Amino acid sequence: MAGKAVQDTQDTNEATDLLKDILIVQLGVAGVPQQTIREIIGCDINRVSRIVKRLKPRKLRGEA
């Protein structure tokens, strides 16, 4: 019985972490500053930096 509860907790934590990572990506793509992302998500700035630095810079409209 306890094994099932532990497994459910792990699945929930993994799902929560994945959703946080997706939100970090979306906010990074939208151009939100990393410190603001950290405040919104409530996580370590290193996690935000690690994810956002891998995003390609946005091209401005009209740029070829």
Protein backbone atom coordinates (compact mmCIF):
# COMPACT_ATOMS: atom_id res chain seq x y z
CA MET A 1 0.00 0.00 0.00
CA ALA A 2 2.79 2.44 0.88
CA GLY A 3 4.58 1.67 -2.40
CA LYS A 4 1.60 2.90 -4.39
CA ALA A 5 1.49 6.17 -2.45
CA VAL A 6 5.20 6.76 -3.02
CA GLN A 7 4.84 6.03 -6.74
CA ASP A 8 1.89 8.46 -7.04
CA THR A 9 3.92 11.15 -5.27
CA GLN A 10 6.88 10.61 -7.61
CA ASP A 11 4.60 10.81 -10.66
CA THR A 12 3.05 14.01 -9.34
CA ASN A 13 6.47 15.57 -8.68
CA GLU A 14 7.71 14.62 -12.16
CA ALA A 15 4.59 16.04 -13.77
CA THR A 16 4.90 19.24 -11.74
CA ASP A 17 8.56 19.62 -12.70
CA LEU A 18 7.73 19.10 -16.36
CA LEU A 19 4.97 21.72 -16.25
CA LYS A 20 7.33 24.17 -14.55
CA ASP A 21 9.94 23.58 -17.26
CA ILE A 22 7.35 24.16 -19.99
CA LEU A 23 6.25 27.39 -18.32
CA ILE A 24 9.88 28.54 -18.08
CA VAL A 25 10.31 27.89 -21.81
CA GLN A 26 7.13 29.73 -22.72
CA LEU A 27 7.98 32.73 -20.56
CA GLY A 28 11.53 32.75 -21.95
CA VAL A 29 10.23 32.72 -25.52
CA ALA A 30 7.88 35.58 -24.64
CA GLY A 31 10.87 37.64 -23.51
CA VAL A 32 10.10 37.73 -19.79
CA PRO A 33 13.25 38.50 -17.75
CA GLN A 34 14.79 35.50 -15.98
CA GLN A 35 14.43 37.02 -12.52
CA THR A 36 10.71 37.54 -13.13
CA ILE A 37 10.37 33.94 -14.35
CA ARG A 38 12.08 32.77 -11.17
CA GLU A 39 9.62 34.76 -9.07
CA ILE A 40 6.60 33.43 -10.98
CA ILE A 41 7.70 29.78 -10.87
CA GLY A 42 9.20 29.95 -7.39
CA CYS A 43 12.33 28.00 -8.26
CA ASP A 44 16.09 28.48 -8.30
CA ILE A 45 17.54 31.01 -10.77
CA ASN A 46 20.01 28.32 -11.93
CA ARG A 47 17.13 26.19 -13.19
CA VAL A 48 15.71 29.13 -15.13
CA SER A 49 19.11 30.04 -16.59
CA ARG A 50 19.84 26.44 -17.57
CA ILE A 51 16.62 26.26 -19.60
CA VAL A 52 16.45 29.79 -21.04
CA LYS A 53 20.06 29.82 -22.31
CA ARG A 54 19.17 27.00 -24.71
CA LEU A 55 16.41 28.97 -26.40
CA LYS A 56 17.13 30.56 -29.75
CA PRO A 57 17.00 34.35 -29.71
CA ARG A 58 13.82 35.81 -31.16
CA LYS A 59 14.10 37.51 -34.50
CA LEU A 60 12.50 40.89 -34.80
CA ARG A 61 9.81 41.37 -37.39
CA GLY A 62 11.18 42.58 -40.67
CA GLU A 63 14.55 40.91 -40.13
CA ALA A 64 15.58 38.54 -42.87
